[in-house]
């Protein structure tokens, strides 16, 4: 009997990115609203993608079919 094909979780695919070296990146939080009280420097830093760490990254890779 044929094995079923693994499917990518689309919700994870929209939120995370896996680099060529296998690091999992995600967008920063604290950027949606109440931005006027945050400094321009802080907002600039929050626009950059952050690296997801540890076991969480492993689970995300599995969801994206990269494990």
Protein backbone atom coordinates (compact mmCIF):
# COMPACT_ATOMS: atom_id res chain seq x y z
CA UNK A 1 0.00 0.00 0.00
CA UNK A 2 1.29 3.45 -0.90
CA UNK A 3 2.38 5.85 1.84
CA UNK A 4 0.46 9.09 2.13
CA UNK A 5 2.34 12.23 1.26
CA UNK A 6 3.19 14.64 4.08
CA UNK A 7 1.42 17.97 3.79
CA UNK A 8 2.82 21.36 4.72
CA UNK A 9 0.93 23.24 7.41
CA UNK A 10 -0.02 26.40 5.55
CA UNK A 11 -0.51 28.41 8.75
CA UNK A 12 3.15 27.78 9.64
CA UNK A 13 4.34 28.40 6.07
CA UNK A 14 2.84 31.90 6.17
CA UNK A 15 4.51 32.79 9.47
CA UNK A 16 7.96 31.22 9.33
CA UNK A 17 10.87 30.99 6.90
CA UNK A 18 13.66 28.39 6.87
CA UNK A 19 17.06 29.60 5.63
CA UNK A 20 19.46 27.55 3.49
CA UNK A 21 21.41 26.58 6.59
CA UNK A 22 18.22 25.45 8.33
CA UNK A 23 17.61 28.35 10.73
CA UNK A 24 13.95 29.19 11.38
CA UNK A 25 13.05 32.88 11.21
CA UNK A 26 9.90 34.65 12.42
CA UNK A 27 8.58 38.19 12.42
CA UNK A 28 8.87 40.26 15.60
CA UNK A 29 5.90 41.00 17.80
CA UNK A 30 5.12 44.39 19.47
CA UNK A 31 4.76 46.06 16.07
CA UNK A 32 1.02 46.03 15.37
CA UNK A 33 -0.23 49.01 17.41
CA UNK A 34 0.81 51.57 20.06
CA UNK A 35 3.81 52.45 17.91
CA UNK A 36 3.88 56.15 18.73
CA UNK A 37 5.45 55.55 22.15
CA UNK A 38 8.17 53.29 20.71
CA UNK A 39 11.38 54.90 19.49
CA UNK A 40 12.22 54.90 15.78
CA UNK A 41 15.28 52.79 16.56
CA UNK A 42 13.16 50.18 18.33
CA UNK A 43 10.64 50.06 15.46
CA UNK A 44 13.51 49.59 12.96
CA UNK A 45 14.87 46.67 15.00
CA UNK A 46 11.41 45.10 15.30
CA UNK A 47 11.02 45.09 11.50
CA UNK A 48 13.88 42.58 11.19
CA UNK A 49 13.19 38.85 11.34
CA UNK A 50 14.28 37.03 14.47
CA UNK A 51 15.71 33.53 14.86
CA UNK A 52 13.43 30.93 16.49
CA UNK A 53 15.25 28.90 19.13
CA UNK A 54 15.45 25.34 20.36
CA UNK A 55 12.66 22.82 20.39
CA UNK A 56 10.20 25.33 18.96
CA UNK A 57 12.31 25.59 15.78
CA UNK A 58 12.40 21.78 15.46
CA UNK A 59 8.59 21.58 15.67
CA UNK A 60 8.20 24.31 13.06
CA UNK A 61 10.60 22.57 10.67
CA UNK A 62 8.53 19.41 11.05
CA UNK A 63 5.36 21.37 10.22
CA UNK A 64 7.05 22.74 7.10
CA UNK A 65 8.23 19.30 6.01
CA UNK A 66 11.92 20.05 6.52
CA UNK A 67 12.68 17.65 9.38
